[in-house]
Protein backbone atom coordinates (compact mmCIF):
# COMPACT_ATOMS: atom_id res chain seq x y z
CA MET A 1 135.51 96.15 105.54
CA LEU A 2 135.83 96.86 109.24
CA ILE A 3 137.37 100.29 108.60
CA LYS A 4 136.73 102.40 105.49
CA LEU A 5 138.19 105.89 105.20
CA HIS A 6 137.77 108.14 102.17
CA LYS A 7 139.48 111.49 101.64
CA ILE A 8 140.08 112.15 105.34
CA ASN A 9 141.59 115.56 106.00
CA LYS A 10 142.49 117.03 109.36
CA GLN A 11 144.12 120.29 110.36
CA TYR A 12 144.90 122.18 113.54
CA GLY A 13 144.43 125.93 113.65
CA GLN A 14 143.02 128.30 111.05
CA GLY A 15 144.29 130.62 108.33
CA SER A 16 148.02 131.17 108.03
CA ALA A 17 148.58 129.30 111.30
CA ALA A 18 146.81 126.14 110.10
CA ARG A 19 148.79 122.89 110.17
CA ARG A 20 147.44 120.08 108.04
CA VAL A 21 148.11 116.69 109.63
CA LEU A 22 146.03 114.35 107.42
CA ARG A 23 145.86 114.72 103.64
CA ASP A 24 143.21 112.89 101.60
CA VAL A 25 143.72 109.65 103.50
CA ASP A 26 142.04 106.55 102.06
CA LEU A 27 142.21 103.33 104.05
CA ALA A 28 140.49 99.94 104.08
CA ILE A 29 141.02 97.46 106.91
CA ALA A 30 139.33 94.07 106.65
CA GLU A 31 138.11 92.05 109.60
CA GLY A 32 141.01 89.98 110.91
CA ASP A 33 143.73 92.31 109.64
CA PHE A 34 146.82 93.14 111.69
CA ALA A 35 148.15 96.47 110.43
CA ALA A 36 150.85 98.78 111.74
CA ILE A 37 150.94 102.51 111.02
CA VAL A 38 154.52 103.80 111.04
CA GLY A 39 156.00 107.25 110.59
CA THR A 40 158.10 109.90 112.27
CA SER A 41 156.91 111.96 115.21
CA GLY A 42 154.33 114.50 114.05
CA SER A 43 153.57 112.68 110.81
CA GLY A 44 149.88 112.20 111.67
CA LYS A 45 149.87 108.64 113.07
CA SER A 46 148.03 109.36 116.30
CA SER A 47 145.70 111.87 114.62
CA LEU A 48 144.61 109.14 112.22
CA LEU A 49 144.06 106.66 115.03
CA ASN A 50 141.97 109.23 116.93
CA VAL A 51 139.73 109.73 113.90
CA ILE A 52 139.23 105.97 113.48
CA GLY A 53 138.44 105.56 117.17
CA GLY A 54 135.90 108.37 117.18
CA LEU A 55 138.00 110.36 119.64
CA ASP A 56 138.34 113.24 117.16
CA ARG A 57 135.37 114.28 115.03
CA ASP A 58 136.87 117.51 113.69
CA PHE A 59 137.81 116.22 110.24
CA THR A 60 136.49 116.19 106.68
CA GLY A 61 135.86 113.11 104.56
CA GLU A 62 134.05 109.87 105.23
CA ALA A 63 134.90 107.44 108.03
CA GLU A 64 133.08 104.15 108.52
CA VAL A 65 134.06 101.87 111.40
CA VAL A 66 132.47 98.52 112.27
CA GLY A 67 129.74 99.20 109.72
CA GLN A 68 128.77 102.62 111.06
CA SER A 69 129.44 106.06 109.63
CA LEU A 70 131.10 108.09 112.36
CA ARG A 71 129.73 111.29 110.86
CA GLY A 72 126.13 110.21 111.44
CA LEU A 73 126.45 109.03 115.04
CA SER A 74 125.22 110.96 118.05
CA ASP A 75 127.59 111.35 120.98
CA ARG A 76 125.72 108.59 122.82
CA ALA A 77 125.81 106.22 119.85
CA LEU A 78 129.50 106.91 119.34
CA SER A 79 130.20 106.15 122.99
CA MET A 80 128.29 102.87 122.67
CA LEU A 81 130.28 101.95 119.56
CA ARG A 82 133.57 102.57 121.34
CA ASN A 83 132.49 100.72 124.47
CA ARG A 84 131.14 97.64 122.71
CA SER A 85 133.22 97.22 119.56
CA ILE A 86 136.55 99.03 119.99
CA GLY A 87 139.30 98.46 122.54
CA PHE A 88 141.94 101.14 123.11
CA ILE A 89 145.50 100.54 124.31
CA PHE A 90 147.92 103.41 124.92
CA GLN A 91 151.61 103.89 125.66
CA GLN A 92 150.90 105.39 129.09
CA PHE A 93 148.62 102.50 130.22
CA ASN A 94 146.02 104.95 131.64
CA LEU A 95 145.36 102.83 134.72
CA LEU A 96 144.01 104.14 138.01
CA GLU A 97 146.94 103.17 140.19
CA HIS A 98 145.03 103.36 143.48
CA LEU A 99 142.66 100.65 142.23
CA SER A 100 143.37 96.93 141.96
CA CYS A 101 144.01 95.20 138.66
CA GLY A 102 140.53 93.71 138.75
CA GLU A 103 138.91 97.08 139.45
CA ASN A 104 140.77 98.65 136.52
CA VAL A 105 139.72 95.87 134.18
CA ALA A 106 136.09 96.24 135.30
CA LEU A 107 135.91 99.96 134.48
CA PRO A 108 134.17 99.39 131.10
CA ALA A 109 131.29 97.78 133.03
CA VAL A 110 130.48 101.00 134.88
CA PHE A 111 127.84 101.98 132.33
CA SER A 112 126.59 98.47 131.65
CA LYS A 113 123.74 96.60 133.31
CA TRP A 114 125.83 93.59 134.19
CA ASP A 115 125.46 92.19 137.70
CA LYS A 116 128.50 91.89 139.96
CA ALA A 117 128.86 88.15 139.45
CA LYS A 118 129.00 88.50 135.65
CA VAL A 119 131.51 91.35 135.89
CA LYS A 120 133.73 89.29 138.19
CA ARG A 121 133.64 86.29 135.84
CA ARG A 122 134.61 88.46 132.89
CA VAL A 123 137.41 90.15 134.83
CA ASP A 124 138.77 86.74 135.81
CA ASP A 125 138.53 85.52 132.21
CA VAL A 126 140.44 88.39 130.63
CA LEU A 127 143.08 88.57 133.37
CA GLU A 128 143.72 84.87 132.86
CA ARG A 129 143.90 85.52 129.11
CA VAL A 130 146.78 87.97 129.59
CA GLY A 131 148.53 85.85 132.21
CA LEU A 132 147.67 87.92 135.28
CA ALA A 133 144.99 85.86 137.03
CA ASP A 134 147.10 85.88 140.21
CA ARG A 135 147.30 89.70 140.24
CA ARG A 136 143.58 90.40 140.40
CA ASP A 137 143.66 92.06 143.83
CA HIS A 138 147.08 93.72 143.51
CA LEU A 139 147.19 97.51 143.27
CA ALA A 140 147.91 98.62 139.72
CA GLY A 141 150.48 101.15 140.97
CA ARG A 142 152.69 98.34 142.28
CA LEU A 143 152.97 96.44 138.99
CA SER A 144 155.84 96.43 136.54
CA GLY A 145 155.45 98.25 133.23
CA GLY A 146 154.79 95.02 131.37
CA GLN A 147 152.16 93.94 133.88
CA LYS A 148 150.46 97.35 133.66
CA GLN A 149 150.24 97.04 129.88
CA ARG A 150 148.75 93.56 130.21
CA VAL A 151 146.12 94.93 132.60
CA ALA A 152 145.39 97.65 130.03
CA ILE A 153 145.01 94.97 127.34
CA ALA A 154 142.69 92.97 129.62
CA ARG A 155 140.58 96.09 130.15
CA ALA A 156 140.44 96.66 126.39
CA LEU A 157 139.25 93.06 125.93
CA PHE A 158 136.52 93.30 128.57
CA HIS A 159 133.62 93.73 126.11
CA SER A 160 135.09 91.35 123.48
CA PRO A 161 135.85 94.08 120.93
CA THR A 162 136.01 93.47 117.21
CA LEU A 163 138.82 96.01 116.83
CA LEU A 164 141.84 96.95 118.95
CA LEU A 165 143.40 100.38 118.38
CA CYS A 166 146.86 100.67 119.92
CA ASP A 167 148.99 103.83 120.17
CA GLU A 168 152.67 102.99 120.80
CA PRO A 169 151.71 100.06 123.08
CA THR A 170 155.34 98.93 123.60
CA GLY A 171 156.87 102.40 123.84
CA ASN A 172 157.44 102.20 127.60
CA LEU A 173 158.53 98.56 127.70
CA ASP A 174 161.94 96.94 127.60
CA THR A 175 162.84 94.61 124.75
CA ARG A 176 161.91 91.35 126.51
CA THR A 177 158.61 92.64 127.88
CA GLY A 178 157.73 94.32 124.60
CA ARG A 179 158.31 91.07 122.75
CA ALA A 180 155.89 89.28 125.10
CA VAL A 181 153.21 91.93 124.48
CA ILE A 182 153.71 91.63 120.71
CA GLU A 183 153.30 87.86 120.95
CA LEU A 184 150.06 88.42 122.85
CA PHE A 185 148.83 90.72 120.07
CA GLN A 186 149.64 88.04 117.51
CA GLN A 187 147.66 85.47 119.51
CA LEU A 188 144.67 87.83 119.73
CA ASN A 189 144.85 88.41 115.99
CA ASP A 190 144.98 84.65 115.37
CA GLU A 191 141.75 84.44 117.37
CA GLY A 192 140.07 86.89 114.99
CA ILE A 193 140.53 90.29 116.62
CA THR A 194 141.50 93.05 114.18
CA LEU A 195 144.48 95.14 115.26
CA LEU A 196 145.60 98.57 114.11
CA ILE A 197 148.77 99.68 115.88
CA VAL A 198 150.56 103.04 115.68
CA THR A 199 154.26 102.49 116.28
CA HIS A 200 157.74 103.74 115.52
CA GLU A 201 159.29 100.41 116.48
CA ALA A 202 160.37 97.88 113.87
CA ARG A 203 159.75 95.01 116.30
CA VAL A 204 156.03 95.84 116.19
CA SER A 205 155.69 96.55 112.48
CA ASP A 206 157.65 93.37 111.68
CA ALA A 207 154.95 91.36 113.48
CA ALA A 208 152.09 92.96 111.52
CA ARG A 209 150.58 91.53 108.35
CA ARG A 210 150.41 94.98 106.74
CA VAL A 211 152.58 98.08 107.18
CA LEU A 212 151.02 101.48 106.46
CA ARG A 213 153.40 104.41 106.24
CA ILE A 214 152.36 108.00 106.92
CA GLU A 215 154.48 111.00 105.97
CA ASP A 216 153.39 114.62 106.19
CA GLY A 217 149.82 113.41 106.62
CA SER A 218 149.76 111.23 103.48
CA LEU A 219 149.26 107.48 103.80
CA SER A 220 150.83 104.73 101.69
CA GLU A 221 151.27 100.99 102.12
CA ASP A 222 154.55 99.12 102.06
CA PRO A 223 154.67 96.21 99.61
CA ALA A 224 153.78 92.83 101.10
CA PRO A 225 156.87 90.78 102.03
CA GLN A 226 157.98 88.60 99.15
CA VAL A 227 158.55 84.89 99.73
CA GLY A 228 162.05 84.01 98.57
CA SER A 229 162.19 81.87 95.44
CA GLY A 230 163.88 78.51 95.41
CA GLY A 231 163.75 77.99 99.16
CA SER A 232 161.51 77.25 102.09
CA ASP A 233 159.06 79.93 103.18
CA ALA A 234 158.94 78.51 106.71
């Protein structure tokens, strides 16, 4: 399993002011899965994603991601795991708008030993992959929302991650642009990348192979879609 969680609990605050946001969460995500985590605002979706991504270590229970126990990793080892194996995509894009698209995509190489020629080749490769090869030298601040999210996806793909963690990746996009981003996610999943997406949008969860539902910090899984009897399943 690419992700294995056992009895994950998370709370904010202490004593009578404590608010428990994750309750005995168990989760297994296999390599190649495409899973969506759905739930209302404040249900614990983003908190769970932060635990899986190693962005929040203040929890109890056991979390294993890409074959490594997060509990046993040093800060440096955890940073290396995130940089090499996990790509992050957020609703707010998190681009440096005064930099070009290519410079934003190359940010993961800052702490690598790659030479400039190798970095440039990889930037060109991933920008072409998301359909923005012709925007390499354009300032990120001058792009549309959909283009910014594609640059963010290209950046997340820079080190060929095994796992993509996405927090409301279509939340700031219109219907048409959001659909294009979802189709790109499906293509990446078909190529073997594992996706775990936090969303409140049905258009995203409908595209996933699995739907995980979180309510008051407790996780459950929706039944797999049933193929209708007596007809085509095309």
